[in-house]
Amino acid sequence: MKIKTNGIELNCVIEGEGPWVTMSHSLACNLSMWDEQAKLLVSKGYKVLRFDTRGHGASDAPDVTYTLEQMADDLHGLYAALGIKHSHWIGLSMGGMIGETYALKYPGVFTSMILADTTSRRPPNAEQMWGDRVKIARAQGMDALVEGTLSRWFTEPFLNAQPAVKARIGNDIRTTPVAGYAGSCEAIAKIDVLDQLKEINCPALVIVGDQDHGTPPEMARQIHANLRGSELLIIPSAAHLSNVEQPAVFNKAMLDFLAKVKN
């Protein structure tokens, strides 16, 4: 369904009954990234909200600069439209950054947080790195970014062994609107909330693949250290999309954590 929020329309899917769980995808993906996890959560008695972030999937993709605060406001409007007062949060990469930003801007809404393969502080070269990728996308289209992105998101053995998954995720990257990709890159290149994470007061689980070079284990450890009472899981043999590359480990950690904090 499409819901108007913060001046745009967001595409979202709601499934199941029970406590709300909101799932937020990475840059250059869409809500289908969570298909396996959403199906599992519904089977365990959760009501799952997935949405395409602005600039992605079937949501609007205005050709302007985006900010993480704006994306948090998108979510806040979505919650208001759906009457959601509290929700568990699961966000990977950009989805984790949106979750961090939202939790700081709108404290008390998240019942718990799972932050996977994400960051809370931009590296020194972030604006140049993301700027270079935006230039490629605008000049050559998203197809020019597919192979390089896949090689960062997955380990080589996984890509060799899972051609169907490689093709599916590659198509998600390829079909991401250039305007949405560019606007989102500008947003995530500026993230700097590491020191503020101490203000967040809800149970949290930090997950990262041991071979994630984009948002590496060291950053996960820093997030863990700054989120009071949080748990940390480093998943072996996984790169950036750890929920896709090692779903069994990811899913068990997700369900075990939510079972402890469920209400």
C-alpha atoms as a PDB file:
ATOM      1  CA  MET A   1       0.000   0.000   0.000  1.00  0.00           C
ATOM      2  CA  LYS A   2       1.024   3.625  -0.461  1.00  0.00           C
ATOM      3  CA  ILE A   3       0.901   6.045   2.466  1.00  0.00           C
ATOM      4  CA  LYS A   4       1.432   9.797   2.277  1.00  0.00           C
ATOM      5  CA  THR A   5       4.027  11.021   4.742  1.00  0.00           C
ATOM      6  CA  ASN A   6       6.271  14.067   4.977  1.00  0.00           C
ATOM      7  CA  GLY A   7       5.360  15.253   1.468  1.00  0.00           C
ATOM      8  CA  ILE A   8       5.951  11.928  -0.336  1.00  0.00           C
ATOM      9  CA  GLU A   9       4.298   8.548  -0.738  1.00  0.00           C
ATOM     10  CA  LEU A  10       5.972   5.517   0.829  1.00  0.00           C
ATOM     11  CA  ASN A  11       5.254   1.986  -0.290  1.00  0.00           C
ATOM     12  CA  CYS A  12       4.766  -0.425   2.594  1.00  0.00           C
ATOM     13  CA  VAL A  13       3.625  -3.965   3.407  1.00  0.00           C
ATOM     14  CA  ILE A  14       1.988  -5.083   6.662  1.00  0.00           C
ATOM     15  CA  GLU A  15       1.760  -8.757   7.605  1.00  0.00           C
ATOM     16  CA  GLY A  16       0.793 -10.759  10.675  1.00  0.00           C
ATOM     17  CA  GLU A  17      -0.668 -10.005  14.090  1.00  0.00           C
ATOM     18  CA  GLY A  18       1.063  -9.264  17.374  1.00  0.00           C
ATOM     19  CA  PRO A  19       3.672  -6.753  18.575  1.00  0.00           C
ATOM     20  CA  TRP A  20       4.879  -4.441  15.802  1.00  0.00           C
ATOM     21  CA  VAL A  21       8.265  -5.046  14.192  1.00  0.00           C
ATOM     22  CA  THR A  22       9.466  -2.500  11.639  1.00  0.00           C
ATOM     23  CA  MET A  23      12.123  -3.537   9.101  1.00  0.00           C
ATOM     24  CA  SER A  24      14.272  -1.047   7.170  1.00  0.00           C
ATOM     25  CA  HIS A  25      16.461  -2.059   4.235  1.00  0.00           C
ATOM     26  CA  SER A  26      19.896  -1.013   3.008  1.00  0.00           C
ATOM     27  CA  LEU A  27      20.827   1.506   0.345  1.00  0.00           C
ATOM     28  CA  ALA A  28      19.991   0.294  -3.186  1.00  0.00           C
ATOM     29  CA  CYS A  29      17.658  -2.446  -1.957  1.00  0.00           C
ATOM     30  CA  ASN A  30      13.954  -2.459  -1.092  1.00  0.00           C
ATOM     31  CA  LEU A  31      11.581  -4.088   1.361  1.00  0.00           C
ATOM     32  CA  SER A  32      11.969  -7.484  -0.369  1.00  0.00           C
ATOM     33  CA  MET A  33      15.423  -7.709   1.224  1.00  0.00           C
ATOM     34  CA  TRP A  34      13.610  -8.852   4.359  1.00  0.00           C
ATOM     35  CA  ASP A  35      11.326 -11.471   2.757  1.00  0.00           C
ATOM     36  CA  GLU A  36      12.725 -14.442   4.648  1.00  0.00           C
ATOM     37  CA  GLN A  37      12.922 -12.664   7.998  1.00  0.00           C
ATOM     38  CA  ALA A  38       9.423 -11.166   7.663  1.00  0.00           C
ATOM     39  CA  LYS A  39       7.869 -14.548   6.918  1.00  0.00           C
ATOM     40  CA  LEU A  40       9.590 -16.009   9.962  1.00  0.00           C
ATOM     41  CA  LEU A  41       8.522 -13.162  12.246  1.00  0.00           C
ATOM     42  CA  VAL A  42       4.900 -13.466  11.161  1.00  0.00           C
ATOM     43  CA  SER A  43       5.011 -17.195  11.934  1.00  0.00           C
ATOM     44  CA  LYS A  44       6.248 -16.368  15.439  1.00  0.00           C
ATOM     45  CA  GLY A  45       3.427 -13.962  16.273  1.00  0.00           C
ATOM     46  CA  TYR A  46       4.647 -10.527  15.219  1.00  0.00           C
ATOM     47  CA  LYS A  47       3.001  -7.851  13.112  1.00  0.00           C
ATOM     48  CA  VAL A  48       5.603  -6.804  10.566  1.00  0.00           C
ATOM     49  CA  LEU A  49       5.831  -3.450   8.803  1.00  0.00           C
ATOM     50  CA  ARG A  50       8.242  -3.219   5.898  1.00  0.00           C
ATOM     51  CA  PHE A  51       8.583  -0.117   3.757  1.00  0.00           C
ATOM     52  CA  ASP A  52      10.580   1.156   0.817  1.00  0.00           C
ATOM     53  CA  THR A  53      12.699   4.061   2.026  1.00  0.00           C
ATOM     54  CA  ARG A  54      12.251   7.286   0.071  1.00  0.00           C
ATOM     55  CA  GLY A  55      14.065   6.973  -3.240  1.00  0.00           C
ATOM     56  CA  HIS A  56      13.773   3.183  -3.309  1.00  0.00           C
ATOM     57  CA  GLY A  57      11.450   0.474  -4.551  1.00  0.00           C
ATOM     58  CA  ALA A  58       7.946   1.740  -5.207  1.00  0.00           C
ATOM     59  CA  SER A  59       8.239   4.811  -2.963  1.00  0.00           C
ATOM     60  CA  ASP A  60       8.614   8.307  -4.335  1.00  0.00           C
ATOM     61  CA  ALA A  61      12.131   9.333  -5.363  1.00  0.00           C
ATOM     62  CA  PRO A  62      12.414  13.119  -5.408  1.00  0.00           C
ATOM     63  CA  ASP A  63      15.603  14.335  -7.068  1.00  0.00           C
ATOM     64  CA  VAL A  64      16.881  16.391  -4.141  1.00  0.00           C
ATOM     65  CA  THR A  65      19.364  15.984  -1.316  1.00  0.00           C
ATOM     66  CA  TYR A  66      18.027  13.718   1.438  1.00  0.00           C
ATOM     67  CA  THR A  67      18.932  13.763   5.128  1.00  0.00           C
ATOM     68  CA  LEU A  68      18.680  11.046   7.763  1.00  0.00           C
ATOM     69  CA  GLU A  69      16.543  13.399   9.861  1.00  0.00           C
ATOM     70  CA  GLN A  70      14.147  13.685   6.922  1.00  0.00           C
ATOM     71  CA  MET A  71      14.023   9.901   6.621  1.00  0.00           C
ATOM     72  CA  ALA A  72      13.259   9.705  10.338  1.00  0.00           C
ATOM     73  CA  ASP A  73      10.410  12.145   9.778  1.00  0.00           C
ATOM     74  CA  ASP A  74       9.164   9.947   6.910  1.00  0.00           C
ATOM     75  CA  LEU A  75       8.974   7.070   9.379  1.00  0.00           C
ATOM     76  CA  HIS A  76       7.297   9.201  12.020  1.00  0.00           C
ATOM     77  CA  GLY A  77       4.573  10.171   9.559  1.00  0.00           C
ATOM     78  CA  LEU A  78       4.172   6.530   8.559  1.00  0.00           C
ATOM     79  CA  TYR A  79       3.722   5.534  12.190  1.00  0.00           C
ATOM     80  CA  ALA A  80       1.183   8.316  12.701  1.00  0.00           C
ATOM     81  CA  ALA A  81      -0.819   7.236   9.654  1.00  0.00           C
ATOM     82  CA  LEU A  82      -0.868   3.616  10.862  1.00  0.00           C
ATOM     83  CA  GLY A  83      -1.519   4.436  14.506  1.00  0.00           C
ATOM     84  CA  ILE A  84       1.728   2.832  15.675  1.00  0.00           C
ATOM     85  CA  LYS A  85       2.798   4.029  19.121  1.00  0.00           C
ATOM     86  CA  HIS A  86       5.596   1.514  19.741  1.00  0.00           C
ATOM     87  CA  SER A  87       7.556  -0.903  17.555  1.00  0.00           C
ATOM     88  CA  HIS A  88      10.613  -3.077  17.564  1.00  0.00           C
ATOM     89  CA  TRP A  89      13.115  -1.901  14.939  1.00  0.00           C
ATOM     90  CA  ILE A  90      15.316  -3.961  12.628  1.00  0.00           C
ATOM     91  CA  GLY A  91      17.510  -1.954  10.285  1.00  0.00           C
ATOM     92  CA  LEU A  92      20.476  -2.937   8.163  1.00  0.00           C
ATOM     93  CA  SER A  93      23.076  -0.494   6.850  1.00  0.00           C
ATOM     94  CA  MET A  94      21.108   2.654   5.886  1.00  0.00           C
ATOM     95  CA  GLY A  95      18.183   1.145   7.776  1.00  0.00           C
ATOM     96  CA  GLY A  96      20.311   1.046  10.900  1.00  0.00           C
ATOM     97  CA  MET A  97      21.305   4.682  10.418  1.00  0.00           C
ATOM     98  CA  ILE A  98      17.663   5.692  10.045  1.00  0.00           C
ATOM     99  CA  GLY A  99      16.874   3.766  13.219  1.00  0.00           C
ATOM    100  CA  GLU A 100      19.631   5.464  15.206  1.00  0.00           C
ATOM    101  CA  THR A 101      18.511   8.871  13.981  1.00  0.00           C
ATOM    102  CA  TYR A 102      14.861   8.141  14.730  1.00  0.00           C
ATOM    103  CA  ALA A 103      15.557   6.819  18.227  1.00  0.00           C
ATOM    104  CA  LEU A 104      17.416  10.018  19.069  1.00  0.00           C
ATOM    105  CA  LYS A 105      14.814  12.332  17.521  1.00  0.00           C
ATOM    106  CA  TYR A 106      11.743  10.468  18.791  1.00  0.00           C
ATOM    107  CA  PRO A 107      12.768   8.744  22.033  1.00  0.00           C
ATOM    108  CA  GLY A 108      10.497   6.133  23.567  1.00  0.00           C
ATOM    109  CA  VAL A 109       8.908   4.809  20.362  1.00  0.00           C
ATOM    110  CA  PHE A 110      11.211   1.855  19.764  1.00  0.00           C
ATOM    111  CA  THR A 111      10.630  -1.096  22.084  1.00  0.00           C
ATOM    112  CA  SER A 112      13.978  -2.528  20.978  1.00  0.00           C
ATOM    113  CA  MET A 113      16.497  -2.134  18.183  1.00  0.00           C
ATOM    114  CA  ILE A 114      18.456  -4.549  16.021  1.00  0.00           C
ATOM    115  CA  LEU A 115      21.174  -2.641  14.167  1.00  0.00           C
ATOM    116  CA  ALA A 116      22.872  -4.750  11.520  1.00  0.00           C
ATOM    117  CA  ASP A 117      25.931  -3.969   9.415  1.00  0.00           C
ATOM    118  CA  THR A 118      25.633  -0.262   9.982  1.00  0.00           C
ATOM    119  CA  THR A 119      27.574   2.743  11.190  1.00  0.00           C
ATOM    120  CA  SER A 120      27.027   5.771  13.369  1.00  0.00           C
ATOM    121  CA  ARG A 121      29.987   7.909  12.301  1.00  0.00           C
ATOM    122  CA  ARG A 122      31.146   8.692   8.802  1.00  0.00           C
ATOM    123  CA  PRO A 123      34.748   7.858   7.871  1.00  0.00           C
ATOM    124  CA  PRO A 124      36.969  10.802   6.901  1.00  0.00           C
ATOM    125  CA  ASN A 125      36.641  10.055   3.180  1.00  0.00           C
ATOM    126  CA  ALA A 126      32.873   9.473   3.230  1.00  0.00           C
ATOM    127  CA  GLU A 127      31.731  12.492   1.252  1.00  0.00           C
ATOM    128  CA  GLN A 128      34.291  11.920  -1.508  1.00  0.00           C
ATOM    129  CA  MET A 129      33.598   8.174  -1.665  1.00  0.00           C
ATOM    130  CA  TRP A 130      29.835   8.555  -1.847  1.00  0.00           C
ATOM    131  CA  GLY A 131      30.201  11.550  -4.140  1.00  0.00           C
ATOM    132  CA  ASP A 132      32.211   9.479  -6.593  1.00  0.00           C
ATOM    133  CA  ARG A 133      29.537   6.770  -6.617  1.00  0.00           C
ATOM    134  CA  VAL A 134      26.825   9.349  -7.203  1.00  0.00           C
ATOM    135  CA  LYS A 135      28.765  10.716 -10.176  1.00  0.00           C
ATOM    136  CA  ILE A 136      28.972   7.228 -11.682  1.00  0.00           C
ATOM    137  CA  ALA A 137      25.240   6.640 -11.133  1.00  0.00           C
ATOM    138  CA  ARG A 138      24.274   9.952 -12.725  1.00  0.00           C
ATOM    139  CA  ALA A 139      26.657   9.575 -15.664  1.00  0.00           C
ATOM    140  CA  GLN A 140      26.318   5.865 -16.425  1.00  0.00           C
ATOM    141  CA  GLY A 141      23.205   4.665 -14.611  1.00  0.00           C
ATOM    142  CA  MET A 142      22.892   2.214 -11.738  1.00  0.00           C
ATOM    143  CA  ASP A 143      24.022  -0.719 -13.866  1.00  0.00           C
ATOM    144  CA  ALA A 144      27.578   0.580 -13.630  1.00  0.00           C
ATOM    145  CA  LEU A 145      27.492   0.100  -9.847  1.00  0.00           C
ATOM    146  CA  VAL A 146      26.077  -3.415  -9.697  1.00  0.00           C
ATOM    147  CA  GLU A 147      29.224  -5.560  -9.782  1.00  0.00           C
ATOM    148  CA  GLY A 148      31.231  -3.373  -7.444  1.00  0.00           C
ATOM    149  CA  THR A 149      28.385  -3.201  -4.958  1.00  0.00           C
ATOM    150  CA  LEU A 150      27.806  -6.957  -4.985  1.00  0.00           C
ATOM    151  CA  SER A 151      31.505  -7.573  -4.355  1.00  0.00           C
ATOM    152  CA  ARG A 152      31.309  -5.374  -1.247  1.00  0.00           C
ATOM    153  CA  TRP A 153      28.038  -6.808  -0.005  1.00  0.00           C
ATOM    154  CA  PHE A 154      28.891 -10.511  -0.227  1.00  0.00           C
ATOM    155  CA  THR A 155      31.914 -12.749   0.098  1.00  0.00           C
ATOM    156  CA  GLU A 156      33.266 -14.247  -3.111  1.00  0.00           C
ATOM    157  CA  PRO A 157      32.413 -17.860  -2.147  1.00  0.00           C
ATOM    158  CA  PHE A 158      28.788 -16.861  -1.548  1.00  0.00           C
ATOM    159  CA  LEU A 159      28.489 -15.072  -4.896  1.00  0.00           C
ATOM    160  CA  ASN A 160      29.961 -18.093  -6.674  1.00  0.00           C
ATOM    161  CA  ALA A 161      27.634 -20.510  -4.901  1.00  0.00           C
ATOM    162  CA  GLN A 162      24.417 -18.461  -5.096  1.00  0.00           C
ATOM    163  CA  PRO A 163      23.945 -17.123  -8.658  1.00  0.00           C
ATOM    164  CA  ALA A 164      20.184 -16.724  -8.193  1.00  0.00           C
ATOM    165  CA  VAL A 165      20.626 -14.532  -5.122  1.00  0.00           C
ATOM    166  CA  LYS A 166      23.354 -12.582  -6.894  1.00  0.00           C
ATOM    167  CA  ALA A 167      20.993 -11.950  -9.819  1.00  0.00           C
ATOM    168  CA  ARG A 168      18.094 -10.945  -7.572  1.00  0.00           C
ATOM    169  CA  ILE A 169      20.055  -8.489  -5.440  1.00  0.00           C
ATOM    170  CA  GLY A 170      21.845  -7.226  -8.539  1.00  0.00           C
ATOM    171  CA  ASN A 171      18.484  -6.416 -10.079  1.00  0.00           C
ATOM    172  CA  ASP A 172      17.442  -4.539  -6.937  1.00  0.00           C
ATOM    173  CA  ILE A 173      20.555  -2.379  -7.236  1.00  0.00           C
ATOM    174  CA  ARG A 174      20.057  -1.876 -10.976  1.00  0.00           C
ATOM    175  CA  THR A 175      16.436  -0.766 -10.604  1.00  0.00           C
ATOM    176  CA  THR A 176      16.995   1.664  -7.735  1.00  0.00           C
ATOM    177  CA  PRO A 177      16.154   5.160  -9.024  1.00  0.00           C
ATOM    178  CA  VAL A 178      19.300   7.201  -9.621  1.00  0.00           C
ATOM    179  CA  ALA A 179      17.723  10.178  -7.849  1.00  0.00           C
ATOM    180  CA  GLY A 180      16.939   8.023  -4.819  1.00  0.00           C
ATOM    181  CA  TYR A 181      20.417   6.544  -4.713  1.00  0.00           C
ATOM    182  CA  ALA A 182      22.051   9.957  -5.042  1.00  0.00           C
ATOM    183  CA  GLY A 183      19.870  11.587  -2.406  1.00  0.00           C
ATOM    184  CA  SER A 184      20.433   8.732   0.033  1.00  0.00           C
ATOM    185  CA  CYS A 185      24.196   8.719  -0.506  1.00  0.00           C
ATOM    186  CA  GLU A 186      24.282  12.384   0.438  1.00  0.00           C
ATOM    187  CA  ALA A 187      22.360  11.574   3.618  1.00  0.00           C
ATOM    188  CA  ILE A 188      24.401   8.644   4.875  1.00  0.00           C
ATOM    189  CA  ALA A 189      27.712  10.338   4.058  1.00  0.00           C
ATOM    190  CA  LYS A 190      27.009  12.810   6.861  1.00  0.00           C
ATOM    191  CA  ILE A 191      26.042  10.489   9.716  1.00  0.00           C
ATOM    192  CA  ASP A 192      27.684  11.393  13.014  1.00  0.00           C
ATOM    193  CA  VAL A 193      25.686  10.162  16.008  1.00  0.00           C
ATOM    194  CA  LEU A 194      28.131   7.801  17.731  1.00  0.00           C
ATOM    195  CA  ASP A 195      28.558   9.948  20.832  1.00  0.00           C
ATOM    196  CA  GLN A 196      24.787  10.497  21.111  1.00  0.00           C
ATOM    197  CA  LEU A 197      23.958   6.790  21.196  1.00  0.00           C
ATOM    198  CA  LYS A 198      24.348   6.872  24.988  1.00  0.00           C
ATOM    199  CA  GLU A 199      21.031   8.771  25.050  1.00  0.00           C
ATOM    200  CA  ILE A 200      19.094   5.804  23.614  1.00  0.00           C
ATOM    201  CA  ASN A 201      17.383   3.780  26.303  1.00  0.00           C
ATOM    202  CA  CYS A 202      15.996   0.552  24.858  1.00  0.00           C
ATOM    203  CA  PRO A 203      17.339  -2.994  24.471  1.00  0.00           C
ATOM    204  CA  ALA A 204      19.586  -3.311  21.427  1.00  0.00           C
ATOM    205  CA  LEU A 205      21.384  -5.994  19.461  1.00  0.00           C
ATOM    206  CA  VAL A 206      24.251  -5.026  17.163  1.00  0.00           C
ATOM    207  CA  ILE A 207      25.035  -7.476  14.360  1.00  0.00           C
ATOM    208  CA  VAL A 208      27.843  -7.400  11.800  1.00  0.00           C
ATOM    209  CA  GLY A 209      29.427  -9.786   9.332  1.00  0.00           C
ATOM    210  CA  ASP A 210      33.054 -10.546  10.105  1.00  0.00           C
ATOM    211  CA  GLN A 211      33.988  -9.689   6.499  1.00  0.00           C
ATOM    212  CA  ASP A 212      31.925  -6.512   6.226  1.00  0.00           C
ATOM    213  CA  HIS A 213      34.432  -3.946   4.980  1.00  0.00           C
ATOM    214  CA  GLY A 214      31.911  -1.146   4.420  1.00  0.00           C
ATOM    215  CA  THR A 215      30.642  -1.037   7.998  1.00  0.00           C
ATOM    216  CA  PRO A 216      33.272  -3.201   9.694  1.00  0.00           C
ATOM    217  CA  PRO A 217      33.206  -5.052  13.013  1.00  0.00           C
ATOM    218  CA  GLU A 218      35.206  -2.266  14.661  1.00  0.00           C
ATOM    219  CA  MET A 219      32.341   0.151  14.022  1.00  0.00           C
ATOM    220  CA  ALA A 220      29.869  -2.393  15.391  1.00  0.00           C
ATOM    221  CA  ARG A 221      31.995  -2.632  18.530  1.00  0.00           C
ATOM    222  CA  GLN A 222      31.892   1.166  18.892  1.00  0.00           C
ATOM    223  CA  ILE A 223      28.110   1.206  18.515  1.00  0.00           C
ATOM    224  CA  HIS A 224      27.854  -1.614  21.057  1.00  0.00           C
ATOM    225  CA  ALA A 225      30.089   0.269  23.497  1.00  0.00           C
ATOM    226  CA  ASN A 226      27.933   3.385  23.247  1.00  0.00           C
ATOM    227  CA  LEU A 227      24.519   1.667  23.448  1.00  0.00           C
ATOM    228  CA  ARG A 228      24.032   0.893  27.117  1.00  0.00           C
ATOM    229  CA  GLY A 229      23.263  -2.748  27.819  1.00  0.00           C
ATOM    230  CA  SER A 230      23.396  -3.747  24.150  1.00  0.00           C
ATOM    231  CA  GLU A 231      24.474  -7.125  22.818  1.00  0.00           C
ATOM    232  CA  LEU A 232      26.963  -7.718  20.002  1.00  0.00           C
ATOM    233  CA  LEU A 233      27.045 -10.541  17.465  1.00  0.00           C
ATOM    234  CA  ILE A 234      29.758 -10.924  14.823  1.00  0.00           C
ATOM    235  CA  ILE A 235      28.616 -13.408  12.175  1.00  0.00           C
ATOM    236  CA  PRO A 236      31.345 -15.557  10.594  1.00  0.00           C
ATOM    237  CA  SER A 237      31.626 -15.847   6.819  1.00  0.00           C
ATOM    238  CA  ALA A 238      29.389 -12.870   6.090  1.00  0.00           C
ATOM    239  CA  ALA A 239      29.973  -9.505   4.502  1.00  0.00           C
ATOM    240  CA  HIS A 240      27.511  -6.579   4.389  1.00  0.00           C
ATOM    241  CA  LEU A 241      24.101  -8.199   3.811  1.00  0.00           C
ATOM    242  CA  SER A 242      24.486 -10.641   6.673  1.00  0.00           C
ATOM    243  CA  ASN A 243      20.771 -11.453   6.759  1.00  0.00           C
ATOM    244  CA  VAL A 244      21.018 -12.746   3.173  1.00  0.00           C
ATOM    245  CA  GLU A 245      24.429 -14.397   3.334  1.00  0.00           C
ATOM    246  CA  GLN A 246      24.009 -16.161   6.682  1.00  0.00           C
ATOM    247  CA  PRO A 247      20.231 -16.225   7.269  1.00  0.00           C
ATOM    248  CA  ALA A 248      20.229 -19.122   9.737  1.00  0.00           C
ATOM    249  CA  VAL A 249      22.595 -17.346  12.146  1.00  0.00           C
ATOM    250  CA  PHE A 250      20.935 -13.968  11.632  1.00  0.00           C
ATOM    251  CA  ASN A 251      17.427 -15.360  12.099  1.00  0.00           C
ATOM    252  CA  LYS A 252      18.250 -17.229  15.298  1.00  0.00           C
ATOM    253  CA  ALA A 253      19.843 -14.131  16.806  1.00  0.00           C
ATOM    254  CA  MET A 254      16.869 -12.001  15.749  1.00  0.00           C
ATOM    255  CA  LEU A 255      14.271 -14.350  17.218  1.00  0.00           C
ATOM    256  CA  ASP A 256      16.208 -15.028  20.425  1.00  0.00           C
ATOM    257  CA  PHE A 257      16.664 -11.308  21.036  1.00  0.00           C
ATOM    258  CA  LEU A 258      13.033 -10.407  20.329  1.00  0.00           C
ATOM    259  CA  ALA A 259      11.821 -13.249  22.557  1.00  0.00           C
ATOM    260  CA  LYS A 260      13.702 -11.667  25.450  1.00  0.00           C
ATOM    261  CA  VAL A 261      12.273  -8.180  24.946  1.00  0.00           C
ATOM    262  CA  LYS A 262       8.823  -9.029  23.489  1.00  0.00           C
ATOM    263  CA  ASN A 263       5.801  -7.359  25.042  1.00  0.00           C
END
